[in-house]
Protein backbone atom coordinates (compact mmCIF):
# COMPACT_ATOMS: atom_id res chain seq x y z
CA MET A 1 -51.24 16.57 -73.97
CA ARG A 2 -48.22 16.63 -71.68
CA GLN A 3 -46.80 19.97 -70.60
CA GLU A 4 -43.54 19.19 -72.42
CA GLU A 5 -45.43 18.74 -75.69
CA ILE A 6 -47.29 22.05 -75.31
CA GLU A 7 -44.08 23.95 -74.50
CA GLU A 8 -42.15 22.50 -77.45
CA VAL A 9 -44.95 23.25 -79.93
CA GLU A 10 -45.21 26.84 -78.67
CA LYS A 11 -41.43 27.29 -78.90
CA MET A 12 -41.41 26.05 -82.49
CA LEU A 13 -44.22 28.45 -83.48
CA ARG A 14 -42.22 31.38 -82.04
CA CYS A 15 -39.00 30.46 -83.85
CA LYS A 16 -37.47 33.43 -85.74
CA ASP A 17 -40.41 35.66 -84.80
CA PRO A 18 -39.00 39.17 -84.06
CA ARG A 19 -41.87 39.85 -81.64
CA TYR A 20 -40.19 37.50 -79.15
CA GLY A 21 -36.68 38.90 -79.52
CA PHE A 22 -34.26 39.71 -82.30
CA ALA A 23 -30.75 40.88 -83.15
CA THR A 24 -29.91 43.79 -85.45
CA TYR A 25 -26.75 43.63 -87.58
CA VAL A 26 -25.14 46.51 -89.46
CA CYS A 27 -22.73 46.57 -92.40
CA LEU A 28 -19.82 48.93 -91.73
CA GLY A 29 -19.19 49.19 -95.47
CA CYS A 30 -22.54 50.30 -96.90
CA GLY A 31 -24.57 50.96 -93.73
CA ALA A 32 -27.26 48.33 -94.43
CA GLN A 33 -29.02 46.81 -91.42
CA LYS A 34 -30.58 43.38 -91.01
CA ILE A 35 -32.98 42.08 -88.32
CA ILE A 36 -32.86 38.39 -87.38
CA GLY A 37 -35.35 36.84 -84.98
CA PHE A 38 -34.07 34.55 -82.24
CA SER A 39 -34.23 30.80 -82.80
CA CYS A 40 -36.30 28.61 -80.48
CA ASN A 41 -33.73 25.88 -79.69
CA GLY A 42 -36.65 23.45 -79.61
CA ARG A 43 -36.69 19.73 -80.29
CA LEU A 44 -39.50 19.96 -82.85
CA CYS A 45 -37.87 22.66 -84.94
CA THR A 46 -35.94 21.12 -87.83
CA TYR A 47 -33.72 24.20 -88.25
CA CYS A 48 -32.70 24.42 -84.59
CA GLY A 49 -32.57 20.65 -84.19
CA TYR A 50 -30.03 20.23 -86.99
CA ARG A 51 -27.81 23.06 -85.74
CA HIS A 52 -27.82 21.89 -82.13
CA ALA A 53 -27.29 18.27 -83.14
CA ARG A 54 -24.14 19.24 -85.04
CA GLU A 55 -22.73 21.28 -82.14
CA TYR A 56 -23.70 18.63 -79.57
CA ALA A 57 -22.03 15.89 -81.63
CA GLU A 58 -18.76 17.83 -81.63
CA ARG A 59 -18.84 18.08 -77.82
CA LEU A 60 -19.63 14.38 -77.42
CA ALA A 61 -16.83 13.34 -79.76
CA ASP A 62 -14.36 15.32 -77.66
CA ARG A 63 -15.39 13.33 -74.57
CA LEU A 64 -14.34 10.01 -76.09
CA LEU A 65 -11.07 8.62 -74.81
CA ASP A 66 -8.16 7.59 -77.05
CA LEU A 67 -9.29 3.95 -77.17
CA PRO A 68 -10.77 1.61 -79.80
CA TYR A 69 -14.58 1.45 -79.91
CA ARG A 70 -17.42 -0.66 -81.24
CA PHE A 71 -20.97 0.33 -82.17
CA PHE A 72 -23.87 -1.62 -80.63
CA THR A 73 -27.65 -1.34 -80.72
CA PHE A 74 -29.83 -2.72 -77.91
CA THR A 75 -33.55 -3.14 -78.61
CA ILE A 76 -36.34 -3.30 -76.01
CA PRO A 77 -38.95 -5.99 -76.86
CA ALA A 78 -42.39 -4.79 -77.92
CA GLY A 79 -43.98 -6.31 -74.79
CA LEU A 80 -42.00 -3.97 -72.50
CA ARG A 81 -42.35 -0.73 -74.47
CA SER A 82 -45.70 0.29 -73.01
CA LEU A 83 -44.28 -0.28 -69.52
CA VAL A 84 -41.13 1.84 -69.82
CA ASN A 85 -42.20 4.43 -72.41
CA GLN A 86 -42.38 8.00 -71.01
CA ASN A 87 -41.07 6.74 -67.66
CA ALA A 88 -37.64 8.29 -67.17
CA GLU A 89 -36.90 6.24 -64.05
CA LEU A 90 -37.57 2.88 -65.74
CA LEU A 91 -35.69 3.93 -68.88
CA LYS A 92 -32.65 4.74 -66.75
CA ILE A 93 -32.91 1.31 -65.12
CA VAL A 94 -32.92 -0.28 -68.58
CA GLN A 95 -29.84 1.71 -69.66
CA ASP A 96 -27.95 0.92 -66.43
CA SER A 97 -28.79 -2.76 -66.79
CA MET A 98 -27.45 -2.86 -70.32
CA PHE A 99 -24.09 -1.50 -69.21
CA VAL A 100 -23.82 -4.00 -66.35
CA ALA A 101 -24.50 -6.80 -68.83
CA LEU A 102 -21.91 -5.43 -71.24
CA GLN A 103 -19.20 -5.11 -68.58
CA GLU A 104 -19.78 -8.64 -67.29
CA THR A 105 -19.67 -10.03 -70.83
CA LEU A 106 -16.41 -8.24 -71.66
CA GLU A 107 -14.85 -9.51 -68.43
CA VAL A 108 -15.79 -13.08 -69.32
CA ALA A 109 -14.44 -12.69 -72.87
CA TYR A 110 -11.19 -11.13 -71.65
CA ASN A 111 -10.55 -13.84 -69.03
CA ASN A 112 -11.36 -16.57 -71.55
CA GLU A 113 -8.72 -15.13 -73.90
CA LEU A 114 -6.17 -15.05 -71.05
CA ALA A 115 -7.00 -18.64 -70.12
CA GLU A 116 -6.58 -19.70 -73.75
CA LYS A 117 -3.15 -18.07 -73.95
CA ALA A 118 -2.10 -19.61 -70.62
CA SER A 119 -3.18 -23.11 -71.66
CA LYS A 120 -1.10 -22.89 -74.84
CA LYS A 121 1.95 -22.23 -72.66
CA GLY A 122 1.03 -25.01 -70.24
CA LEU A 123 0.17 -22.56 -67.42
CA LYS A 124 -2.82 -22.36 -65.11
CA ARG A 125 -4.40 -19.10 -64.05
CA GLU A 126 -5.33 -18.70 -60.39
CA LYS A 127 -8.02 -15.99 -60.63
CA ASP A 128 -10.04 -13.92 -63.09
CA LEU A 129 -9.14 -10.29 -63.63
CA LYS A 130 -11.55 -7.38 -63.27
CA LEU A 131 -12.00 -5.17 -66.31
CA LYS A 132 -13.26 -1.59 -66.48
CA THR A 133 -14.88 -0.62 -69.75
CA GLY A 134 -16.90 2.37 -70.94
CA MET A 135 -20.05 3.17 -72.88
CA LEU A 136 -21.75 6.20 -74.39
CA ALA A 137 -25.45 5.41 -74.72
CA GLY A 138 -28.07 7.36 -76.67
CA LEU A 139 -31.75 6.53 -76.17
CA GLN A 140 -34.13 6.61 -79.15
CA THR A 141 -37.85 6.02 -78.69
CA PHE A 142 -39.10 5.91 -82.30
CA GLY A 143 -38.55 4.06 -85.54
CA GLY A 144 -38.69 5.20 -89.14
CA ASP A 145 -42.50 4.94 -89.15
CA MET A 146 -42.62 7.13 -85.97
CA LYS A 147 -44.20 4.34 -83.94
CA THR A 148 -42.84 3.62 -80.46
CA HIS A 149 -39.66 1.61 -80.90
CA ILE A 150 -37.37 1.97 -77.88
CA HIS A 151 -33.76 1.10 -78.57
CA GLU A 152 -30.35 2.33 -77.53
CA HIS A 153 -27.39 3.25 -79.72
CA CYS A 154 -24.13 2.65 -77.89
CA ILE A 155 -20.48 3.39 -78.52
CA ILE A 156 -18.61 0.96 -76.28
CA VAL A 157 -14.92 0.65 -75.49
CA ASP A 158 -13.58 -2.40 -77.34
CA GLY A 159 -11.94 -3.81 -74.22
CA GLY A 160 -10.92 -1.53 -71.38
CA ILE A 161 -8.43 -1.21 -68.52
CA ASP A 162 -7.75 -4.19 -66.24
CA GLU A 163 -6.95 -4.14 -62.53
CA TYR A 164 -3.22 -3.80 -63.29
CA SER A 165 -3.90 -0.56 -65.25
CA GLN A 166 -3.15 -2.26 -68.55
CA ILE A 167 -5.09 -1.25 -71.67
CA VAL A 168 -6.50 -4.41 -73.23
CA ASN A 169 -8.60 -5.25 -76.28
CA VAL A 170 -11.16 -8.03 -76.49
CA ARG A 171 -10.79 -10.03 -79.68
CA ASP A 172 -14.25 -11.63 -79.81
CA ILE A 173 -17.36 -10.63 -77.86
CA PRO A 174 -19.69 -13.61 -77.18
CA MET A 175 -22.94 -12.17 -78.51
CA ALA A 176 -25.10 -15.08 -77.31
CA LEU A 177 -23.91 -14.50 -73.75
CA LEU A 178 -24.39 -10.74 -74.06
CA ARG A 179 -28.00 -11.14 -75.23
CA ARG A 180 -28.88 -13.39 -72.29
CA LYS A 181 -27.15 -11.12 -69.78
CA VAL A 182 -28.98 -8.06 -71.15
CA GLN A 183 -32.27 -9.92 -70.79
CA TYR A 184 -31.49 -11.09 -67.26
CA HIS A 185 -30.34 -7.74 -65.87
CA VAL A 186 -33.08 -5.69 -67.57
CA LEU A 187 -35.92 -7.94 -66.43
CA THR A 188 -34.52 -8.55 -62.94
CA ASN A 189 -34.03 -4.85 -62.22
CA LEU A 190 -37.41 -3.92 -63.70
CA ARG A 191 -39.06 -6.53 -61.49
CA LYS A 192 -37.56 -4.82 -58.43
CA ALA A 193 -38.65 -1.34 -59.54
CA ILE A 194 -42.27 -1.90 -60.66
CA PRO A 195 -45.21 -2.75 -58.39
CA GLY A 196 -45.41 -6.45 -57.60
CA THR A 197 -48.85 -6.98 -59.13
CA TRP A 198 -49.88 -10.24 -60.77
CA GLU A 199 -49.97 -8.59 -64.21
CA ASN A 200 -46.42 -7.22 -63.87
CA GLN A 201 -44.99 -10.51 -62.62
CA ARG A 202 -46.70 -12.34 -65.48
CA LEU A 203 -45.25 -9.84 -67.99
CA ILE A 204 -41.70 -10.40 -66.70
CA HIS A 205 -42.17 -14.17 -66.79
CA GLU A 206 -43.48 -13.99 -70.38
CA MET A 207 -40.43 -11.97 -71.45
CA PHE A 208 -38.15 -14.73 -70.15
CA GLN A 209 -40.20 -17.43 -71.86
CA LYS A 210 -40.70 -15.62 -75.17
CA TYR A 211 -37.01 -14.81 -75.69
CA PRO A 212 -35.03 -17.91 -74.67
CA LYS A 213 -31.95 -16.64 -76.54
CA GLY A 214 -32.06 -13.22 -74.91
CA PHE A 215 -32.96 -9.74 -76.15
CA VAL A 216 -31.91 -8.33 -79.52
CA VAL A 217 -28.38 -6.89 -79.55
CA HIS A 218 -26.83 -5.87 -82.87
CA ASP A 219 -23.08 -5.50 -83.28
CA SER A 220 -22.16 -3.12 -86.10
CA GLY A 221 -18.45 -3.78 -85.72
CA LYS A 222 -15.55 -1.51 -84.92
CA ALA A 223 -16.18 2.24 -84.92
CA LYS A 224 -13.59 3.55 -87.37
CA ASN A 225 -15.18 6.99 -87.78
CA ARG A 226 -16.00 8.04 -84.21
CA LYS A 227 -17.28 11.51 -85.07
CA GLY A 228 -19.53 10.11 -87.78
CA ILE A 229 -21.12 7.61 -85.38
CA VAL A 230 -21.60 10.27 -82.70
CA ARG A 231 -23.34 12.48 -85.26
CA TYR A 232 -25.54 9.51 -86.21
CA ILE A 233 -26.60 9.01 -82.59
CA VAL A 234 -27.20 12.69 -81.85
CA ARG A 235 -29.20 13.17 -85.04
CA TYR A 236 -31.99 10.98 -83.67
CA ILE A 237 -31.83 12.35 -80.13
CA ARG A 238 -31.68 16.11 -80.73
CA HIS A 239 -33.64 16.17 -84.01
CA PRO A 240 -37.43 15.79 -84.48
CA ALA A 241 -38.82 12.30 -85.11
CA ILE A 242 -38.97 12.99 -88.85
CA ALA A 243 -36.80 15.10 -91.15
CA ASN A 244 -38.20 17.47 -93.78
CA SER A 245 -36.51 15.44 -96.52
CA ARG A 246 -38.82 12.49 -95.80
CA LEU A 247 -42.02 14.47 -96.34
CA ILE A 248 -43.57 13.80 -99.74
CA ARG A 249 -46.88 15.65 -99.77
CA TYR A 250 -49.25 17.68 -97.61
CA ASP A 251 -52.71 18.59 -98.92
CA GLY A 252 -54.19 20.19 -95.80
CA ASP A 253 -55.88 16.98 -94.67
CA GLU A 254 -53.22 14.26 -94.98
CA VAL A 255 -49.44 13.99 -94.74
CA THR A 256 -47.47 11.55 -96.88
CA PHE A 257 -43.93 10.53 -95.94
CA TRP A 258 -41.53 7.65 -96.51
CA TYR A 259 -39.19 5.55 -94.37
CA GLU A 260 -36.75 2.71 -94.88
CA HIS A 261 -36.76 -0.63 -93.11
CA LYS A 262 -34.25 -3.37 -93.91
CA LYS A 263 -33.17 -1.53 -97.08
CA GLU A 264 -36.74 -1.30 -98.42
CA ARG A 265 -38.67 1.94 -98.78
CA TYR A 266 -42.26 2.27 -97.53
CA THR A 267 -44.79 5.09 -97.94
CA VAL A 268 -47.17 6.13 -95.16
CA VAL A 269 -50.25 8.37 -95.40
CA MET A 270 -51.55 9.84 -92.13
CA LYS A 271 -54.21 12.32 -91.12
CA VAL A 272 -52.79 15.67 -90.05
CA PHE A 273 -53.65 15.36 -86.35
CA ASP A 274 -52.44 11.75 -86.25
CA PHE A 275 -49.18 12.90 -87.78
CA ILE A 276 -48.78 15.69 -85.23
CA GLU A 277 -49.50 13.28 -82.39
CA SER A 278 -46.92 10.81 -83.75
CA VAL A 279 -44.28 13.56 -83.76
CA ILE A 280 -44.89 15.20 -80.38
CA LYS A 281 -45.36 11.98 -78.39
CA HIS A 282 -41.62 11.34 -78.70
CA ILE A 283 -40.69 14.60 -76.95
CA PRO A 284 -38.82 13.46 -73.81
CA GLN A 285 -39.78 14.58 -70.35
CA LYS A 286 -38.21 17.71 -68.94
CA HIS A 287 -34.66 17.09 -67.64
CA GLN A 288 -34.71 13.51 -68.94
CA LYS A 289 -31.22 12.43 -69.99
CA MET A 290 -31.13 10.95 -73.47
CA ILE A 291 -27.32 10.58 -73.47
CA ARG A 292 -25.55 8.76 -70.62
CA TYR A 293 -21.91 7.99 -69.90
CA TYR A 294 -20.83 4.79 -68.17
CA GLY A 295 -17.62 3.33 -66.81
CA LEU A 296 -14.45 4.88 -68.17
CA LEU A 297 -16.43 7.63 -69.91
CA SER A 298 -18.27 8.65 -66.73
CA ARG A 299 -17.29 11.71 -64.71
CA LYS A 300 -16.08 9.48 -61.86
CA LEU A 301 -13.49 7.47 -63.84
CA ARG A 302 -12.70 9.69 -66.82
CA LYS A 303 -9.75 11.62 -65.33
CA TRP A 304 -8.19 8.42 -63.96
CA ALA A 305 -8.60 6.74 -67.36
CA GLU A 306 -6.98 9.70 -69.13
CA LYS A 307 -3.91 9.42 -66.88
CA VAL A 308 -3.61 5.66 -67.50
CA ILE A 309 -3.97 6.13 -71.26
CA ASP A 310 -1.43 8.97 -71.27
CA VAL A 311 1.19 6.83 -69.50
CA TRP A 312 0.43 3.89 -71.79
CA ARG A 313 0.75 5.97 -74.95
CA ARG A 314 4.01 7.57 -73.80
CA ASN A 315 5.53 4.15 -73.18
CA GLU A 316 4.42 3.05 -76.64
CA LYS A 317 5.90 6.05 -78.47
CA ARG A 318 9.55 6.23 -77.55
CA LEU A 319 11.09 6.06 -80.99
CA LEU A 320 12.09 9.23 -82.80
CA GLY A 321 9.76 8.69 -85.74
CA GLN A 322 6.78 8.19 -83.44
CA GLN A 323 7.66 11.33 -81.47
CA LEU A 324 7.82 13.39 -84.65
CA GLU A 325 4.50 11.91 -85.79
CA LEU A 326 2.93 12.84 -82.46
CA PHE A 327 4.29 16.38 -82.79
CA GLN A 328 2.87 16.68 -86.30
CA ASN A 329 -0.53 15.38 -85.17
CA LEU A 330 -0.56 17.95 -82.38
CA LEU A 331 -0.02 20.79 -84.83
CA GLU A 332 -2.73 19.44 -87.14
CA SER A 333 -5.20 19.07 -84.27
CA LYS A 334 -4.59 22.69 -83.21
CA LYS A 335 -5.16 23.86 -86.78
CA GLU A 336 -8.34 21.78 -87.06
CA ALA A 337 -9.65 23.17 -83.75
CA ASP A 338 -9.06 26.74 -84.91
CA GLU A 339 -10.85 26.07 -88.20
CA GLN A 340 -13.77 24.48 -86.35
CA ARG A 341 -14.11 27.51 -84.05
CA ASN A 342 -14.15 29.78 -87.10
CA ARG A 343 -16.86 27.64 -88.72
CA ASN A 344 -18.98 27.69 -85.56
CA ARG A 345 -18.79 31.48 -85.28
CA LEU A 346 -21.98 33.05 -86.57
CA GLN A 347 -21.36 35.06 -89.73
CA ILE A 348 -24.05 37.34 -91.16
CA LEU A 349 -23.40 38.62 -94.70
CA CYS A 350 -24.64 41.95 -96.00
CA PRO A 351 -27.43 41.54 -98.61
CA ARG A 352 -25.97 44.46 -100.61
CA CYS A 353 -22.18 44.12 -100.65
CA PHE A 354 -21.87 40.59 -99.16
CA SER A 355 -19.33 41.66 -96.53
CA GLU A 356 -19.55 40.43 -92.96
CA MET A 357 -21.98 42.39 -90.79
CA GLU A 358 -21.48 43.39 -87.14
CA LEU A 359 -23.94 42.99 -84.27
CA LEU A 360 -25.41 46.41 -83.42
CA PHE A 361 -27.90 45.58 -80.66
CA ILE A 362 -30.19 42.83 -79.41
CA ALA A 363 -33.79 42.99 -78.16
CA TYR A 364 -34.96 40.34 -75.72
CA LEU A 365 -38.35 39.63 -74.17
CA LYS A 366 -38.71 40.28 -70.43
CA ASP A 367 -42.00 40.63 -68.56
CA ASN A 368 -43.83 40.71 -71.92
CA GLU A 369 -41.75 43.72 -73.02
CA LEU A 370 -38.81 44.01 -75.41
CA TRP A 371 -35.64 45.28 -73.74
CA VAL A 372 -32.83 46.62 -75.94
CA LEU A 373 -29.13 46.08 -75.24
CA GLY A 374 -26.28 47.58 -77.28
CA GLY A 375 -25.86 50.48 -79.68
CA TRP A 376 -23.14 52.27 -81.64
CA ARG A 377 -20.98 52.98 -78.57
CA TRP A 378 -21.20 49.31 -77.57
CA LEU A 379 -20.17 48.26 -81.09
CA GLU A 380 -17.17 50.62 -81.06
CA GLN A 381 -15.90 49.15 -77.76
CA ARG A 382 -16.29 45.60 -79.12
CA LEU A 383 -14.30 46.43 -82.26
CA ILE A 384 -11.46 47.96 -80.21
CA HIS A 385 -11.40 44.94 -77.89
CA ARG A 386 -11.38 42.54 -80.87
CA GLU A 387 -8.41 44.33 -82.42
CA MET A 388 -6.46 44.12 -79.15
CA MET A 389 -7.26 40.41 -78.77
CA TRP A 390 -6.19 39.73 -82.37
CA GLN A 391 -2.82 41.41 -81.79
CA GLU A 392 -2.28 39.37 -78.59
CA LYS A 393 -3.19 36.19 -80.45
CA GLN A 394 -0.68 36.93 -83.21
CA LYS A 395 2.02 37.48 -80.59
CA ARG A 396 1.20 34.21 -78.81
CA GLU A 397 1.21 32.27 -82.08
CA GLU A 398 4.66 33.61 -82.97
CA GLU A 399 6.01 32.66 -79.53
CA SER A 400 4.35 29.23 -79.72
CA ALA A 401 5.82 28.58 -83.17
CA GLN A 402 9.31 29.37 -81.87
CA LEU A 403 8.87 27.02 -78.89
CA ASP A 404 7.52 24.24 -81.13
CA PHE A 405 10.52 24.63 -83.45
CA LEU A 406 12.93 24.40 -80.50
CA SER A 407 11.10 21.33 -79.15
CA ALA A 408 11.38 19.62 -82.52
CA LEU A 409 15.13 20.31 -82.60
CA ARG A 410 15.53 18.86 -79.09
CA ILE A 411 13.60 15.72 -80.08
CA ALA A 412 15.68 15.27 -83.22
CA ALA A 413 18.88 15.70 -81.19
């Protein structure tokens, strides 16, 4: 077993166990106390995996720019899976190659559309324009049957920003060209990275011969619900390879579960140790990145892209009605953000009177001993600080509401 697998299994077994750390909450109304063991934050734990996937999806959705998107799925052929599986360096090469293929394809599609428009007007274009696009890629190494099935879920910018800083959309993406470019870049870059043995060169040659139309790329269309798609991607990356809802039966010797493939349901029966092996083999290596940002969504270009988009949107929204709509959307987004922060805040209810409980102290494991932090004096200081912060927040909200009202009057004038 790999060290990552051993660590994740041990973390899951310690989840919610007070012997490895806990928090004590107290009800200020009836005096009841409640002890809650710390969660493991592990990839195998279904409880922690679901919670972290939800929080991670919210952060990823906030990173997306104000641009139209599409949802793609790139699939690695079965012949290459044994080569790149559990090899973080080769998997990164595959992901990088897919983005290069995507950007080249979008540039070709964009310039073809410009050439078509120019020919209708009887004009001739002198050169092709460069196009910067973006992609959020999530790597998944398993299928519904928990066998190795390496594929990549991608949210891609439906177009991008050209060399004149104009936001453009691509009407039609040539999928046949994209498949061939993905195949070419993936195989060419893998050939450079792997040892030049006869077996490896033969494998690369067979991949070219076996897939004359290129590798499998599925276009799911425009991404209308961005947050929903991000949650879909993160669910498979931050969650265990199988959810509890898919388990049918466990009799101590065998595990029965179901999965769907092409809208048909199948049932699988596995021995216990085979089932465990199928789950833990998909634990990624330590520090391996399962989510990557490319192009406009990368750290290098993101701030520049935000400035371009901001100028573009301001030029688009000059009319009074659009300004008022923007103002209204801003207020709604602030309200939604406040509600989301309140939902994310951990609330522990009293088992007696069902009122919200307060954190009294925490005990954490250090050098195989439990160290205690907190107490009644600590709780009293926190309550006083919270009251002061609430009063300051109320004051800021009143001042902000007055400024927003004055801004709306100036816009209407």
